Amino acid sequence: MGVAIGLKENNAKLFPKSGAKIGDDIWVSGNIGSTSAAVNGFKSIRTTSEWKEWAKKTLLRPKVPIEKSLNIAQKSLGNGGTDLSDGLGADISDICQASGVGAIIDTAMLPLDNKTRELALIMSKEPWIYPFAIGGDFQFVVTSDPSNEFEMRKIGMVKIGEITK
């Protein structure tokens, strides 16, 4: 359980978990799974010192995509959404439950850091498992009408799936 306090501009449209609509596209704000990979691979003897430096930076200096969130709210592009604090699977499930919908995620579309892919290769795992394992990437997921695709891409969002019945 957590509490968030903030301000909403008068003309901005928030995108709560309960706002996803059947037919919406699902978007993420940036690379996901990096925190999970960093935690998983940090103590591994099979990762290089360069990889461990990346992991340290990933864990200690996260980049929060505030501008992307503000743009989506100001342009009223988002319907449903949440931060990716619990892992992609859990957070998409929360949106689906709150909105009474389903979702299809295309794992080939997930934006992953090269170091996450490198760890997956070292560990003989599929790289898409890392975004589903734990959250903490300081990214967010949002649903939007397909007619907004051009604007969402312009903002820098990455489409990963769609909302279903």
C-alpha atoms as a PDB file:
ATOM      1  CA  MET A   1       0.000   0.000   0.000  1.00  0.00           C
ATOM      2  CA  GLY A   2       1.274   3.472  -0.779  1.00  0.00           C
ATOM      3  CA  VAL A   3       0.178   7.050  -0.983  1.00  0.00           C
ATOM      4  CA  ALA A   4       0.933   9.511  -3.765  1.00  0.00           C
ATOM      5  CA  ILE A   5       0.357  13.216  -3.515  1.00  0.00           C
ATOM      6  CA  GLY A   6       0.593  15.548  -6.473  1.00  0.00           C
ATOM      7  CA  LEU A   7      -1.059  18.211  -8.553  1.00  0.00           C
ATOM      8  CA  LYS A   8      -3.195  17.853 -11.653  1.00  0.00           C
ATOM      9  CA  GLU A   9      -3.351  20.624 -14.202  1.00  0.00           C
ATOM     10  CA  ASN A  10      -6.893  21.738 -14.993  1.00  0.00           C
ATOM     11  CA  ASN A  11      -6.749  20.632 -18.620  1.00  0.00           C
ATOM     12  CA  ALA A  12      -4.945  17.314 -17.942  1.00  0.00           C
ATOM     13  CA  LYS A  13      -6.678  13.919 -18.072  1.00  0.00           C
ATOM     14  CA  LEU A  14      -5.407  11.374 -15.570  1.00  0.00           C
ATOM     15  CA  PHE A  15      -5.229   7.699 -16.551  1.00  0.00           C
ATOM     16  CA  PRO A  16      -6.255   5.543 -13.556  1.00  0.00           C
ATOM     17  CA  LYS A  17      -6.014   1.727 -13.465  1.00  0.00           C
ATOM     18  CA  SER A  18      -9.764   1.513 -13.988  1.00  0.00           C
ATOM     19  CA  GLY A  19      -9.740   3.455 -17.279  1.00  0.00           C
ATOM     20  CA  ALA A  20      -8.528   0.852 -19.813  1.00  0.00           C
ATOM     21  CA  LYS A  21     -10.925   0.170 -22.693  1.00  0.00           C
ATOM     22  CA  ILE A  22     -11.307  -2.835 -24.971  1.00  0.00           C
ATOM     23  CA  GLY A  23      -9.363  -2.122 -28.165  1.00  0.00           C
ATOM     24  CA  ASP A  24      -6.817   0.191 -26.501  1.00  0.00           C
ATOM     25  CA  ASP A  25      -3.145  -0.254 -27.297  1.00  0.00           C
ATOM     26  CA  ILE A  26      -0.804  -0.879 -24.340  1.00  0.00           C
ATOM     27  CA  TRP A  27       2.288   1.330 -24.082  1.00  0.00           C
ATOM     28  CA  VAL A  28       5.323   1.521 -21.794  1.00  0.00           C
ATOM     29  CA  SER A  29       7.437   4.586 -21.149  1.00  0.00           C
ATOM     30  CA  GLY A  30      10.884   3.044 -21.647  1.00  0.00           C
ATOM     31  CA  ASN A  31      13.131   0.048 -21.103  1.00  0.00           C
ATOM     32  CA  ILE A  32      11.679  -2.431 -18.655  1.00  0.00           C
ATOM     33  CA  GLY A  33      13.216  -5.384 -16.835  1.00  0.00           C
ATOM     34  CA  SER A  34      16.490  -3.562 -16.149  1.00  0.00           C
ATOM     35  CA  THR A  35      16.040  -3.534 -12.371  1.00  0.00           C
ATOM     36  CA  SER A  36      15.156  -7.216 -12.360  1.00  0.00           C
ATOM     37  CA  ALA A  37      18.198  -8.043 -14.504  1.00  0.00           C
ATOM     38  CA  ALA A  38      20.460  -5.875 -12.337  1.00  0.00           C
ATOM     39  CA  VAL A  39      19.312  -7.611  -9.145  1.00  0.00           C
ATOM     40  CA  ASN A  40      19.474 -11.067 -10.745  1.00  0.00           C
ATOM     41  CA  GLY A  41      22.892 -10.694 -12.313  1.00  0.00           C
ATOM     42  CA  PHE A  42      24.740  -8.482  -9.849  1.00  0.00           C
ATOM     43  CA  LYS A  43      26.209 -11.295  -7.765  1.00  0.00           C
ATOM     44  CA  SER A  44      26.755 -13.656 -10.677  1.00  0.00           C
ATOM     45  CA  ILE A  45      30.350 -14.620 -11.340  1.00  0.00           C
ATOM     46  CA  ARG A  46      29.434 -14.827 -15.025  1.00  0.00           C
ATOM     47  CA  THR A  47      28.838 -11.075 -15.457  1.00  0.00           C
ATOM     48  CA  THR A  48      31.695  -8.691 -16.237  1.00  0.00           C
ATOM     49  CA  SER A  49      32.803  -5.710 -14.163  1.00  0.00           C
ATOM     50  CA  GLU A  50      31.378  -3.459 -16.918  1.00  0.00           C
ATOM     51  CA  TRP A  51      28.025  -5.240 -16.588  1.00  0.00           C
ATOM     52  CA  LYS A  52      28.127  -4.854 -12.798  1.00  0.00           C
ATOM     53  CA  GLU A  53      28.768  -1.094 -13.201  1.00  0.00           C
ATOM     54  CA  TRP A  54      25.661  -0.879 -15.419  1.00  0.00           C
ATOM     55  CA  ALA A  55      23.696  -2.787 -12.755  1.00  0.00           C
ATOM     56  CA  LYS A  56      24.864  -0.380 -10.032  1.00  0.00           C
ATOM     57  CA  LYS A  57      23.852   2.673 -12.076  1.00  0.00           C
ATOM     58  CA  THR A  58      20.519   1.068 -12.921  1.00  0.00           C
ATOM     59  CA  LEU A  59      19.720   0.463  -9.271  1.00  0.00           C
ATOM     60  CA  LEU A  60      21.112   3.684  -7.807  1.00  0.00           C
ATOM     61  CA  ARG A  61      20.300   6.301 -10.472  1.00  0.00           C
ATOM     62  CA  PRO A  62      16.880   5.609 -11.979  1.00  0.00           C
ATOM     63  CA  LYS A  63      15.498   7.951 -14.631  1.00  0.00           C
ATOM     64  CA  VAL A  64      11.857   8.880 -14.044  1.00  0.00           C
ATOM     65  CA  PRO A  65       9.885   9.622 -17.265  1.00  0.00           C
ATOM     66  CA  ILE A  66       7.881  12.534 -15.813  1.00  0.00           C
ATOM     67  CA  GLU A  67       7.752  14.463 -19.112  1.00  0.00           C
ATOM     68  CA  LYS A  68       6.169  11.526 -20.926  1.00  0.00           C
ATOM     69  CA  SER A  69       3.488  11.171 -18.258  1.00  0.00           C
ATOM     70  CA  LEU A  70       2.785  14.916 -18.310  1.00  0.00           C
ATOM     71  CA  ASN A  71       2.536  14.933 -22.122  1.00  0.00           C
ATOM     72  CA  ILE A  72       0.062  12.058 -22.133  1.00  0.00           C
ATOM     73  CA  ALA A  73      -2.074  13.735 -19.443  1.00  0.00           C
ATOM     74  CA  GLN A  74      -1.969  17.179 -21.075  1.00  0.00           C
ATOM     75  CA  LYS A  75      -2.924  15.751 -24.484  1.00  0.00           C
ATOM     76  CA  SER A  76      -5.603  13.457 -22.972  1.00  0.00           C
ATOM     77  CA  LEU A  77      -4.069  10.403 -24.663  1.00  0.00           C
ATOM     78  CA  GLY A  78      -4.209   7.902 -21.787  1.00  0.00           C
ATOM     79  CA  ASN A  79      -7.158   5.821 -20.626  1.00  0.00           C
ATOM     80  CA  GLY A  80      -5.821   3.394 -18.012  1.00  0.00           C
ATOM     81  CA  GLY A  81      -2.388   3.097 -16.494  1.00  0.00           C
ATOM     82  CA  THR A  82      -0.087   2.553 -13.561  1.00  0.00           C
ATOM     83  CA  ASP A  83       3.569   2.596 -12.575  1.00  0.00           C
ATOM     84  CA  LEU A  84       5.556  -0.601 -13.090  1.00  0.00           C
ATOM     85  CA  SER A  85       6.381  -1.143  -9.434  1.00  0.00           C
ATOM     86  CA  ASP A  86       5.384  -4.811  -9.116  1.00  0.00           C
ATOM     87  CA  GLY A  87       6.511  -6.240 -12.457  1.00  0.00           C
ATOM     88  CA  LEU A  88       4.762  -6.055 -15.809  1.00  0.00           C
ATOM     89  CA  GLY A  89       2.537  -9.102 -15.268  1.00  0.00           C
ATOM     90  CA  ALA A  90       1.234  -7.990 -11.873  1.00  0.00           C
ATOM     91  CA  ASP A  91       0.705  -4.378 -12.952  1.00  0.00           C
ATOM     92  CA  ILE A  92      -1.082  -5.306 -16.210  1.00  0.00           C
ATOM     93  CA  SER A  93      -3.221  -7.714 -14.170  1.00  0.00           C
ATOM     94  CA  ASP A  94      -4.127  -4.842 -11.808  1.00  0.00           C
ATOM     95  CA  ILE A  95      -5.224  -2.692 -14.761  1.00  0.00           C
ATOM     96  CA  CYS A  96      -7.265  -5.573 -16.191  1.00  0.00           C
ATOM     97  CA  GLN A  97      -8.983  -6.296 -12.878  1.00  0.00           C
ATOM     98  CA  ALA A  98      -9.767  -2.645 -12.178  1.00  0.00           C
ATOM     99  CA  SER A  99     -11.048  -2.066 -15.741  1.00  0.00           C
ATOM    100  CA  GLY A 100     -12.824  -5.401 -16.275  1.00  0.00           C
ATOM    101  CA  VAL A 101     -10.772  -6.211 -19.378  1.00  0.00           C
ATOM    102  CA  GLY A 102      -8.057  -8.593 -20.600  1.00  0.00           C
ATOM    103  CA  ALA A 103      -4.701  -8.000 -22.258  1.00  0.00           C
ATOM    104  CA  ILE A 104      -2.341  -9.479 -24.806  1.00  0.00           C
ATOM    105  CA  ILE A 105       1.350  -8.613 -24.454  1.00  0.00           C
ATOM    106  CA  ASP A 106       3.725  -9.237 -27.370  1.00  0.00           C
ATOM    107  CA  THR A 107       7.005 -10.120 -25.656  1.00  0.00           C
ATOM    108  CA  ALA A 108       8.938  -9.429 -28.878  1.00  0.00           C
ATOM    109  CA  MET A 109       7.899  -5.760 -28.582  1.00  0.00           C
ATOM    110  CA  LEU A 110       9.146  -5.236 -25.009  1.00  0.00           C
ATOM    111  CA  PRO A 111      11.819  -2.509 -24.854  1.00  0.00           C
ATOM    112  CA  LEU A 112      14.828  -4.074 -23.153  1.00  0.00           C
ATOM    113  CA  ASP A 113      18.263  -2.665 -22.404  1.00  0.00           C
ATOM    114  CA  ASN A 114      21.133  -4.446 -24.185  1.00  0.00           C
ATOM    115  CA  LYS A 115      22.585  -5.387 -20.790  1.00  0.00           C
ATOM    116  CA  THR A 116      19.313  -7.139 -19.925  1.00  0.00           C
ATOM    117  CA  ARG A 117      19.562  -9.108 -23.180  1.00  0.00           C
ATOM    118  CA  GLU A 118      23.216  -9.868 -22.411  1.00  0.00           C
ATOM    119  CA  LEU A 119      22.318 -11.302 -19.004  1.00  0.00           C
ATOM    120  CA  ALA A 120      19.552 -13.435 -20.506  1.00  0.00           C
ATOM    121  CA  LEU A 121      22.093 -14.931 -22.898  1.00  0.00           C
ATOM    122  CA  ILE A 122      24.595 -15.566 -20.068  1.00  0.00           C
ATOM    123  CA  MET A 123      21.892 -17.174 -17.902  1.00  0.00           C
ATOM    124  CA  SER A 124      20.282 -19.120 -20.795  1.00  0.00           C
ATOM    125  CA  LYS A 125      16.919 -17.433 -20.201  1.00  0.00           C
ATOM    126  CA  GLU A 126      14.434 -15.641 -22.428  1.00  0.00           C
ATOM    127  CA  PRO A 127      15.053 -11.873 -22.043  1.00  0.00           C
ATOM    128  CA  TRP A 128      11.340 -11.100 -21.629  1.00  0.00           C
ATOM    129  CA  ILE A 129      11.248 -12.831 -18.218  1.00  0.00           C
ATOM    130  CA  TYR A 130      12.990  -9.890 -16.540  1.00  0.00           C
ATOM    131  CA  PRO A 131      10.161  -7.325 -16.938  1.00  0.00           C
ATOM    132  CA  PHE A 132       7.708  -9.874 -15.519  1.00  0.00           C
ATOM    133  CA  ALA A 133       9.853 -10.859 -12.490  1.00  0.00           C
ATOM    134  CA  ILE A 134       9.954  -7.650 -10.435  1.00  0.00           C
ATOM    135  CA  GLY A 135       9.227  -3.969 -11.002  1.00  0.00           C
ATOM    136  CA  GLY A 136      11.266  -1.017  -9.871  1.00  0.00           C
ATOM    137  CA  ASP A 137      12.241   0.316 -13.300  1.00  0.00           C
ATOM    138  CA  PHE A 138      10.622   3.721 -12.616  1.00  0.00           C
ATOM    139  CA  GLN A 139       8.621   3.318 -15.832  1.00  0.00           C
ATOM    140  CA  PHE A 140       4.871   3.267 -16.360  1.00  0.00           C
ATOM    141  CA  VAL A 141       2.319   1.485 -18.523  1.00  0.00           C
ATOM    142  CA  VAL A 142      -0.664   3.217 -20.099  1.00  0.00           C
ATOM    143  CA  THR A 143      -3.474   2.278 -22.471  1.00  0.00           C
ATOM    144  CA  SER A 144      -4.533   4.536 -25.304  1.00  0.00           C
ATOM    145  CA  ASP A 145      -6.931   4.497 -28.229  1.00  0.00           C
ATOM    146  CA  PRO A 146      -5.213   3.217 -31.413  1.00  0.00           C
ATOM    147  CA  SER A 147      -5.979   6.553 -33.113  1.00  0.00           C
ATOM    148  CA  ASN A 148      -3.345   8.102 -30.801  1.00  0.00           C
ATOM    149  CA  GLU A 149      -0.479   5.915 -32.073  1.00  0.00           C
ATOM    150  CA  PHE A 150       1.384   8.705 -33.878  1.00  0.00           C
ATOM    151  CA  GLU A 151       1.275  11.007 -30.829  1.00  0.00           C
ATOM    152  CA  MET A 152       2.267   8.218 -28.436  1.00  0.00           C
ATOM    153  CA  ARG A 153       5.294   7.306 -30.562  1.00  0.00           C
ATOM    154  CA  LYS A 154       6.212  10.996 -30.860  1.00  0.00           C
ATOM    155  CA  ILE A 155       6.264  11.239 -27.055  1.00  0.00           C
ATOM    156  CA  GLY A 156       8.627   8.251 -26.990  1.00  0.00           C
ATOM    157  CA  MET A 157       6.256   5.551 -25.783  1.00  0.00           C
ATOM    158  CA  VAL A 158       6.654   1.923 -26.918  1.00  0.00           C
ATOM    159  CA  LYS A 159       3.646  -0.203 -27.872  1.00  0.00           C
ATOM    160  CA  ILE A 160       3.705  -3.678 -26.320  1.00  0.00           C
ATOM    161  CA  GLY A 161       0.192  -5.057 -26.721  1.00  0.00           C
ATOM    162  CA  GLU A 162      -3.544  -4.495 -26.666  1.00  0.00           C
ATOM    163  CA  ILE A 163      -6.511  -4.549 -24.333  1.00  0.00           C
ATOM    164  CA  THR A 164      -9.066  -7.319 -25.012  1.00  0.00           C
ATOM    165  CA  LYS A 165     -12.389  -8.504 -23.581  1.00  0.00           C
END
